[in-house]
Structures are given as structure tokens and as C-alpha cells.
């Protein structure tokens, strides 16, 4: 909630120490959720590489726990993290995330779509809408054949 309100410092303070503590007690799903939140904080703090790493760690936990609901959120975070350095990869990863939402009938987390609309808009501007659509379709197709843990690199 603090991230959604833009209270990044307060959110970071609230999350401080959460991931190691949750891993210690074996709550991998909640640790993944905290990593996603850390990724959002890093992204909005201008730390794209850090954001990507948090989301990659969260995706790994999704794979380990079989958590289909958070996996597309992680992929969206990874796409946002790589968009500046590899827009084509980012577009494919967004396509894979979309396919996972659709395949699992998983709704976007209310309020979270705003976090990734900017990524899609920047990719459309940089790549062009038709190229973005083509790359997203390739990523969506990959989601049907590529193991979840490898979708961040389709």
C-alpha cells in the first residue's frame, strides 16, 4: 500500500529485514511478495538493475513454490528493469507475463497496472507499436513452451 501511495522511504523501512526473516521461517511465497515490493521501490528510485534482481529472485521463489499468481508480476518487473538496455527482451517478457495472466485467469493486482503502463508506453515509442506487438506475441507464445523459470530470458 505504501508503494502504491508513493511513500517509497516508508515502504522500504517497513520491508527492511523482511526477506531474510521470511526465508528463515520458510515462508517463500511471502518472501517473494516482499521482493516484488522491493523491486518496485528500486524501480521508482531509479535503480533499474536492483529492481530487476529483486524480481528475478521473486520469480525463482515462484518457481520453487509453484506460485502462478505472482509469476506474471515478477515478469513485468523484470521487463521494466531491462527495458532501457534491451527493449526487445522487455517486450517479449511482457508478452509472456500477459499470457500467464490469461492462461491462469489471473487478474492484475488492482492498482499495480499503473506501474507497468509506462514500460509499455516507452517500449511502443522506442520500438514502434507493430514491432512491440510482434515481440509481445513471441513472448506470449514462449509462455506455452518455455519453463517458468526461463521466461525472463525469452
C-alpha atoms as a PDB file:
ATOM      1  CA  UNK A   1       0.000   0.000   0.000  1.00  0.00           C
ATOM      2  CA  UNK A   2       2.845   2.396   0.808  1.00  0.00           C
ATOM      3  CA  UNK A   3       4.427   1.747  -2.595  1.00  0.00           C
ATOM      4  CA  UNK A   4       1.112   2.422  -4.325  1.00  0.00           C
ATOM      5  CA  UNK A   5       0.833   5.690  -2.393  1.00  0.00           C
ATOM      6  CA  UNK A   6       4.335   6.702  -3.483  1.00  0.00           C
ATOM      7  CA  UNK A   7       5.687   6.571   0.071  1.00  0.00           C
ATOM      8  CA  UNK A   8       8.872   4.803  -1.025  1.00  0.00           C
ATOM      9  CA  UNK A   9      11.035   5.575   2.000  1.00  0.00           C
ATOM     10  CA  UNK A  10       8.325   4.413   4.395  1.00  0.00           C
ATOM     11  CA  UNK A  11       7.751   1.285   2.300  1.00  0.00           C
ATOM     12  CA  UNK A  12      11.453   0.484   2.267  1.00  0.00           C
ATOM     13  CA  UNK A  13      11.653   0.974   6.038  1.00  0.00           C
ATOM     14  CA  UNK A  14       8.619  -1.269   6.556  1.00  0.00           C
ATOM     15  CA  UNK A  15      10.169  -4.010   4.412  1.00  0.00           C
ATOM     16  CA  UNK A  16      13.618  -3.763   5.966  1.00  0.00           C
ATOM     17  CA  UNK A  17      14.730  -7.222   7.035  1.00  0.00           C
ATOM     18  CA  UNK A  18      11.544  -8.895   5.830  1.00  0.00           C
ATOM     19  CA  UNK A  19      13.017 -11.135   3.146  1.00  0.00           C
ATOM     20  CA  UNK A  20      15.734 -12.759   5.285  1.00  0.00           C
ATOM     21  CA  UNK A  21      13.272 -13.237   8.161  1.00  0.00           C
ATOM     22  CA  UNK A  22      10.649 -14.818   5.904  1.00  0.00           C
ATOM     23  CA  UNK A  23      13.209 -17.083   4.260  1.00  0.00           C
ATOM     24  CA  UNK A  24      14.427 -18.156   7.688  1.00  0.00           C
ATOM     25  CA  UNK A  25      10.937 -19.286   8.708  1.00  0.00           C
ATOM     26  CA  UNK A  26      10.296 -20.858   5.299  1.00  0.00           C
ATOM     27  CA  UNK A  27       7.561 -18.524   4.046  1.00  0.00           C
ATOM     28  CA  UNK A  28       8.817 -18.402   0.472  1.00  0.00           C
ATOM     29  CA  UNK A  29       5.600 -17.036  -1.015  1.00  0.00           C
ATOM     30  CA  UNK A  30       5.522 -14.019   1.300  1.00  0.00           C
ATOM     31  CA  UNK A  31       9.273 -13.502   0.776  1.00  0.00           C
ATOM     32  CA  UNK A  32       8.555 -13.367  -2.957  1.00  0.00           C
ATOM     33  CA  UNK A  33       5.875 -10.751  -2.400  1.00  0.00           C
ATOM     34  CA  UNK A  34       8.306  -8.657  -0.388  1.00  0.00           C
ATOM     35  CA  UNK A  35      10.917  -8.983  -3.142  1.00  0.00           C
ATOM     36  CA  UNK A  36       8.346  -7.732  -5.646  1.00  0.00           C
ATOM     37  CA  UNK A  37       7.708  -4.719  -3.408  1.00  0.00           C
ATOM     38  CA  UNK A  38      11.475  -4.149  -3.063  1.00  0.00           C
ATOM     39  CA  UNK A  39      11.657  -4.263  -6.863  1.00  0.00           C
ATOM     40  CA  UNK A  40       9.005  -1.579  -7.216  1.00  0.00           C
ATOM     41  CA  UNK A  41      10.765   0.632  -4.694  1.00  0.00           C
ATOM     42  CA  UNK A  42      14.080   0.227  -6.505  1.00  0.00           C
ATOM     43  CA  UNK A  43      12.466   0.913  -9.867  1.00  0.00           C
ATOM     44  CA  UNK A  44      10.839   4.128  -8.748  1.00  0.00           C
ATOM     45  CA  UNK A  45      14.058   5.098  -7.022  1.00  0.00           C
ATOM     46  CA  UNK A  46      15.819   4.909 -10.395  1.00  0.00           C
ATOM     47  CA  UNK A  47      17.667   1.681  -9.588  1.00  0.00           C
ATOM     48  CA  UNK A  48      16.618  -0.494 -12.554  1.00  0.00           C
ATOM     49  CA  UNK A  49      19.316  -3.149 -12.132  1.00  0.00           C
ATOM     50  CA  UNK A  50      18.428  -3.620  -8.472  1.00  0.00           C
ATOM     51  CA  UNK A  51      14.749  -3.777  -9.366  1.00  0.00           C
ATOM     52  CA  UNK A  52      15.406  -6.467 -11.959  1.00  0.00           C
ATOM     53  CA  UNK A  53      17.408  -8.550  -9.465  1.00  0.00           C
ATOM     54  CA  UNK A  54      14.665  -8.383  -6.821  1.00  0.00           C
ATOM     55  CA  UNK A  55      12.112  -9.541  -9.386  1.00  0.00           C
ATOM     56  CA  UNK A  56      14.372 -12.345 -10.645  1.00  0.00           C
ATOM     57  CA  UNK A  57      14.746 -13.589  -7.064  1.00  0.00           C
ATOM     58  CA  UNK A  58      10.979 -13.376  -6.619  1.00  0.00           C
ATOM     59  CA  UNK A  59      10.437 -15.323  -9.852  1.00  0.00           C
ATOM     60  CA  UNK A  60      12.789 -18.023  -8.582  1.00  0.00           C
ATOM     61  CA  UNK A  61      10.654 -18.292  -5.439  1.00  0.00           C
ATOM     62  CA  UNK A  62       7.513 -18.520  -7.604  1.00  0.00           C
ATOM     63  CA  UNK A  63       9.070 -21.467  -9.405  1.00  0.00           C
ATOM     64  CA  UNK A  64      10.079 -23.122  -6.145  1.00  0.00           C
ATOM     65  CA  UNK A  65       6.644 -22.694  -4.580  1.00  0.00           C
ATOM     66  CA  UNK A  66       4.549 -23.223  -7.698  1.00  0.00           C
ATOM     67  CA  UNK A  67       3.019 -19.750  -7.287  1.00  0.00           C
ATOM     68  CA  UNK A  68       1.310 -18.883 -10.586  1.00  0.00           C
ATOM     69  CA  UNK A  69      -0.286 -15.658  -9.348  1.00  0.00           C
ATOM     70  CA  UNK A  70       2.914 -13.731  -8.622  1.00  0.00           C
ATOM     71  CA  UNK A  71       4.919 -15.048 -11.592  1.00  0.00           C
ATOM     72  CA  UNK A  72       3.491 -12.590 -14.153  1.00  0.00           C
ATOM     73  CA  UNK A  73       4.008  -9.725 -11.699  1.00  0.00           C
ATOM     74  CA  UNK A  74       7.668 -10.740 -11.418  1.00  0.00           C
ATOM     75  CA  UNK A  75       7.997 -10.877 -15.201  1.00  0.00           C
ATOM     76  CA  UNK A  76       6.503  -7.397 -15.532  1.00  0.00           C
ATOM     77  CA  UNK A  77       9.058  -6.160 -13.005  1.00  0.00           C
ATOM     78  CA  UNK A  78      11.894  -7.826 -14.893  1.00  0.00           C
ATOM     79  CA  UNK A  79      10.669  -6.281 -18.151  1.00  0.00           C
ATOM     80  CA  UNK A  80      10.652  -2.840 -16.541  1.00  0.00           C
ATOM     81  CA  UNK A  81      14.176  -3.431 -15.265  1.00  0.00           C
ATOM     82  CA  UNK A  82      15.617  -4.442 -18.645  1.00  0.00           C
ATOM     83  CA  UNK A  83      13.599  -2.078 -20.864  1.00  0.00           C
ATOM     84  CA  UNK A  84      16.303   0.580 -21.175  1.00  0.00           C
ATOM     85  CA  UNK A  85      19.131  -1.803 -22.062  1.00  0.00           C
ATOM     86  CA  UNK A  86      17.208  -4.452 -24.041  1.00  0.00           C
ATOM     87  CA  UNK A  87      13.801  -3.238 -25.188  1.00  0.00           C
ATOM     88  CA  UNK A  88      13.183  -6.302 -27.366  1.00  0.00           C
ATOM     89  CA  UNK A  89      13.694  -8.657 -24.419  1.00  0.00           C
ATOM     90  CA  UNK A  90      11.460  -6.436 -22.287  1.00  0.00           C
ATOM     91  CA  UNK A  91       8.686  -6.628 -24.892  1.00  0.00           C
ATOM     92  CA  UNK A  92       8.906 -10.431 -25.105  1.00  0.00           C
ATOM     93  CA  UNK A  93       8.874 -10.752 -21.319  1.00  0.00           C
ATOM     94  CA  UNK A  94       5.792  -8.516 -21.109  1.00  0.00           C
ATOM     95  CA  UNK A  95       4.134 -10.778 -23.666  1.00  0.00           C
ATOM     96  CA  UNK A  96       4.969 -13.834 -21.560  1.00  0.00           C
ATOM     97  CA  UNK A  97       3.529 -12.128 -18.470  1.00  0.00           C
ATOM     98  CA  UNK A  98       0.327 -11.328 -20.342  1.00  0.00           C
ATOM     99  CA  UNK A  99      -0.017 -14.922 -21.491  1.00  0.00           C
ATOM    100  CA  UNK A 100       0.415 -16.166 -17.919  1.00  0.00           C
ATOM    101  CA  UNK A 101      -2.297 -13.802 -16.706  1.00  0.00           C
ATOM    102  CA  UNK A 102      -4.617 -15.070 -19.433  1.00  0.00           C
ATOM    103  CA  UNK A 103      -3.768 -18.789 -19.089  1.00  0.00           C
ATOM    104  CA  UNK A 104      -4.283 -18.788 -15.351  1.00  0.00           C
ATOM    105  CA  UNK A 105      -7.257 -16.454 -15.444  1.00  0.00           C
ATOM    106  CA  UNK A 106      -5.234 -14.325 -13.031  1.00  0.00           C
ATOM    107  CA  UNK A 107      -6.351 -10.700 -12.718  1.00  0.00           C
ATOM    108  CA  UNK A 108      -3.783  -7.954 -12.461  1.00  0.00           C
ATOM    109  CA  UNK A 109      -3.351  -6.831  -8.885  1.00  0.00           C
ATOM    110  CA  UNK A 110      -5.689  -3.847  -8.560  1.00  0.00           C
ATOM    111  CA  UNK A 111      -3.658  -0.666  -8.709  1.00  0.00           C
ATOM    112  CA  UNK A 112      -0.498  -2.386  -9.975  1.00  0.00           C
ATOM    113  CA  UNK A 113      -1.212  -1.958 -13.679  1.00  0.00           C
ATOM    114  CA  UNK A 114      -0.129   1.668 -13.388  1.00  0.00           C
ATOM    115  CA  UNK A 115       3.379   0.505 -12.541  1.00  0.00           C
ATOM    116  CA  UNK A 116       3.890  -1.118 -15.929  1.00  0.00           C
ATOM    117  CA  UNK A 117       1.896   1.095 -18.272  1.00  0.00           C
ATOM    118  CA  UNK A 118       4.925   3.384 -18.504  1.00  0.00           C
ATOM    119  CA  UNK A 119       7.092   0.436 -19.588  1.00  0.00           C
ATOM    120  CA  UNK A 120       4.679  -0.484 -22.376  1.00  0.00           C
ATOM    121  CA  UNK A 121       4.399   3.140 -23.483  1.00  0.00           C
ATOM    122  CA  UNK A 122       8.186   3.595 -23.574  1.00  0.00           C
ATOM    123  CA  UNK A 123       8.621   0.352 -25.499  1.00  0.00           C
ATOM    124  CA  UNK A 124       5.936   1.365 -28.014  1.00  0.00           C
ATOM    125  CA  UNK A 125       7.646   4.705 -28.500  1.00  0.00           C
ATOM    126  CA  UNK A 126      11.107   3.185 -28.909  1.00  0.00           C
ATOM    127  CA  UNK A 127      10.251   0.092 -30.941  1.00  0.00           C
ATOM    128  CA  UNK A 128       7.080   1.185 -32.677  1.00  0.00           C
ATOM    129  CA  UNK A 129       3.668  -0.281 -31.968  1.00  0.00           C
ATOM    130  CA  UNK A 130       3.820  -3.013 -34.624  1.00  0.00           C
ATOM    131  CA  UNK A 131       7.240  -4.277 -33.521  1.00  0.00           C
ATOM    132  CA  UNK A 132       6.109  -4.193 -29.888  1.00  0.00           C
ATOM    133  CA  UNK A 133       3.008  -6.214 -30.782  1.00  0.00           C
ATOM    134  CA  UNK A 134       5.100  -8.771 -32.695  1.00  0.00           C
ATOM    135  CA  UNK A 135       7.597  -9.165 -29.854  1.00  0.00           C
ATOM    136  CA  UNK A 136       4.843  -9.450 -27.254  1.00  0.00           C
ATOM    137  CA  UNK A 137       3.193 -12.162 -29.348  1.00  0.00           C
ATOM    138  CA  UNK A 138       6.507 -14.062 -29.478  1.00  0.00           C
ATOM    139  CA  UNK A 139       6.821 -13.785 -25.715  1.00  0.00           C
ATOM    140  CA  UNK A 140       3.244 -14.959 -25.233  1.00  0.00           C
ATOM    141  CA  UNK A 141       3.929 -17.960 -27.457  1.00  0.00           C
ATOM    142  CA  UNK A 142       7.042 -18.774 -25.410  1.00  0.00           C
ATOM    143  CA  UNK A 143       4.948 -18.859 -22.249  1.00  0.00           C
ATOM    144  CA  UNK A 144       3.291 -22.013 -23.582  1.00  0.00           C
ATOM    145  CA  UNK A 145       6.549 -23.901 -24.159  1.00  0.00           C
ATOM    146  CA  UNK A 146       9.320 -22.403 -22.027  1.00  0.00           C
ATOM    147  CA  UNK A 147       9.627 -23.326 -18.332  1.00  0.00           C
ATOM    148  CA  UNK A 148       8.507 -20.560 -15.980  1.00  0.00           C
ATOM    149  CA  UNK A 149      11.987 -20.002 -14.585  1.00  0.00           C
ATOM    150  CA  UNK A 150      13.328 -19.263 -18.069  1.00  0.00           C
ATOM    151  CA  UNK A 151      10.645 -16.835 -19.225  1.00  0.00           C
ATOM    152  CA  UNK A 152      12.648 -13.824 -18.027  1.00  0.00           C
ATOM    153  CA  UNK A 153      15.120 -14.520 -20.824  1.00  0.00           C
ATOM    154  CA  UNK A 154      12.815 -15.427 -23.767  1.00  0.00           C
END
